[in-house]
Amino acid sequence: MTRRPFFIDTDTASDDAVALVMAFRHPDVDVVGVGVVAGNVPLDMA
């Protein structure tokens, strides 16, 4: 099966960190990049 490319844009709060781990471990997902933004946490903490 072809892996689907994903670019993940996140503020890396705890819920997003779990989602990142799940994405990196999923056999059908190819994480091609990760960006950080302000959201649940300030940008300097993301």
N, C-alpha and C. Protein backbone atom coordinates (compact mmCIF):
# COMPACT_ATOMS: atom_id res chain seq x y z
N MET A 1 0.84 -1.18 0.00
CA MET A 1 0.00 0.00 0.00
C MET A 1 0.89 1.25 0.00
N THR A 2 0.47 2.29 -0.69
CA THR A 2 1.21 3.53 -0.77
C THR A 2 1.05 4.33 0.52
N ARG A 3 2.16 4.81 1.03
CA ARG A 3 2.12 5.65 2.24
C ARG A 3 1.67 7.04 1.86
N ARG A 4 0.79 7.63 2.67
CA ARG A 4 0.27 8.97 2.43
C ARG A 4 1.18 10.01 3.07
N PRO A 5 1.61 11.02 2.30
CA PRO A 5 2.47 12.06 2.88
C PRO A 5 1.66 13.01 3.76
N PHE A 6 2.22 13.33 4.91
CA PHE A 6 1.59 14.26 5.85
C PHE A 6 2.59 15.32 6.24
N PHE A 7 2.16 16.59 6.24
CA PHE A 7 2.90 17.68 6.87
C PHE A 7 2.07 18.07 8.07
N ILE A 8 2.64 17.98 9.26
CA ILE A 8 1.90 18.23 10.49
C ILE A 8 2.26 19.62 11.02
N ASP A 9 1.25 20.48 11.18
CA ASP A 9 1.42 21.83 11.71
C ASP A 9 0.77 21.85 13.09
N THR A 10 1.54 22.06 14.14
CA THR A 10 1.05 21.83 15.49
C THR A 10 1.66 22.81 16.49
N ASP A 11 1.01 22.96 17.64
CA ASP A 11 1.60 23.73 18.73
C ASP A 11 2.28 22.82 19.74
N THR A 12 2.31 21.55 19.47
CA THR A 12 2.97 20.50 20.26
C THR A 12 2.60 20.48 21.74
N ALA A 13 1.34 20.77 22.04
CA ALA A 13 0.85 20.53 23.39
C ALA A 13 0.76 19.01 23.58
N SER A 14 0.42 18.56 24.77
CA SER A 14 0.46 17.12 25.05
C SER A 14 -0.40 16.29 24.11
N ASP A 15 -1.59 16.77 23.75
CA ASP A 15 -2.44 16.00 22.84
C ASP A 15 -1.81 15.89 21.46
N ASP A 16 -1.15 16.95 21.02
CA ASP A 16 -0.50 16.92 19.71
C ASP A 16 0.74 16.03 19.73
N ALA A 17 1.43 15.97 20.84
CA ALA A 17 2.60 15.11 20.95
C ALA A 17 2.20 13.65 20.78
N VAL A 18 1.09 13.27 21.36
CA VAL A 18 0.59 11.90 21.21
C VAL A 18 0.24 11.64 19.74
N ALA A 19 -0.40 12.60 19.10
CA ALA A 19 -0.76 12.45 17.69
C ALA A 19 0.49 12.33 16.82
N LEU A 20 1.55 13.08 17.14
CA LEU A 20 2.80 12.97 16.39
C LEU A 20 3.39 11.57 16.50
N VAL A 21 3.43 11.04 17.70
CA VAL A 21 3.95 9.68 17.89
C VAL A 21 3.13 8.69 17.09
N MET A 22 1.82 8.82 17.14
CA MET A 22 0.95 7.91 16.39
C MET A 22 1.20 8.02 14.89
N ALA A 23 1.36 9.24 14.39
CA ALA A 23 1.61 9.44 12.96
C ALA A 23 2.94 8.82 12.55
N PHE A 24 3.99 9.05 13.33
CA PHE A 24 5.30 8.50 12.98
C PHE A 24 5.31 6.98 13.02
N ARG A 25 4.48 6.38 13.85
CA ARG A 25 4.47 4.92 13.97
C ARG A 25 3.50 4.23 13.01
N HIS A 26 2.59 4.98 12.41
CA HIS A 26 1.59 4.37 11.53
C HIS A 26 2.24 3.93 10.22
N PRO A 27 2.03 2.69 9.81
CA PRO A 27 2.70 2.19 8.61
C PRO A 27 2.23 2.83 7.30
N ASP A 28 1.07 3.45 7.27
CA ASP A 28 0.54 4.05 6.05
C ASP A 28 0.79 5.55 5.96
N VAL A 29 1.48 6.13 6.95
CA VAL A 29 1.71 7.57 7.00
C VAL A 29 3.20 7.86 6.79
N ASP A 30 3.49 8.81 5.91
CA ASP A 30 4.86 9.29 5.69
C ASP A 30 4.90 10.75 6.13
N VAL A 31 5.41 11.00 7.34
CA VAL A 31 5.50 12.37 7.85
C VAL A 31 6.66 13.05 7.12
N VAL A 32 6.32 14.02 6.26
CA VAL A 32 7.33 14.69 5.45
C VAL A 32 7.84 15.97 6.11
N GLY A 33 7.16 16.42 7.15
CA GLY A 33 7.60 17.62 7.85
C GLY A 33 6.69 17.95 9.01
N VAL A 34 7.23 18.75 9.93
CA VAL A 34 6.48 19.20 11.09
C VAL A 34 6.76 20.69 11.27
N GLY A 35 5.69 21.48 11.38
CA GLY A 35 5.82 22.91 11.66
C GLY A 35 5.22 23.21 13.01
N VAL A 36 5.69 24.27 13.65
CA VAL A 36 5.15 24.64 14.95
C VAL A 36 4.52 26.03 14.89
N VAL A 37 3.42 26.18 15.61
CA VAL A 37 2.68 27.43 15.68
C VAL A 37 2.25 27.67 17.13
N ALA A 38 1.85 28.89 17.44
CA ALA A 38 1.28 29.18 18.75
C ALA A 38 -0.14 28.64 18.78
N GLY A 39 -0.60 28.22 19.93
CA GLY A 39 -1.95 27.68 20.07
C GLY A 39 -2.24 27.49 21.54
N ASN A 40 -2.28 26.22 21.98
CA ASN A 40 -2.48 25.93 23.40
C ASN A 40 -1.29 26.39 24.23
N VAL A 41 -0.13 26.46 23.59
CA VAL A 41 1.08 26.95 24.27
C VAL A 41 1.67 28.08 23.44
N PRO A 42 2.43 29.00 24.07
CA PRO A 42 3.07 30.08 23.31
C PRO A 42 4.09 29.51 22.33
N LEU A 43 4.38 30.25 21.27
CA LEU A 43 5.28 29.78 20.22
C LEU A 43 6.66 29.42 20.75
N ASP A 44 7.18 30.18 21.71
CA ASP A 44 8.52 29.88 22.22
C ASP A 44 8.58 28.58 23.01
N MET A 45 7.42 28.04 23.40
CA MET A 45 7.36 26.76 24.11
C MET A 45 6.98 25.61 23.17
N ALA A 46 6.57 25.93 21.96
CA ALA A 46 6.09 24.90 21.02
C ALA A 46 7.23 24.05 20.50
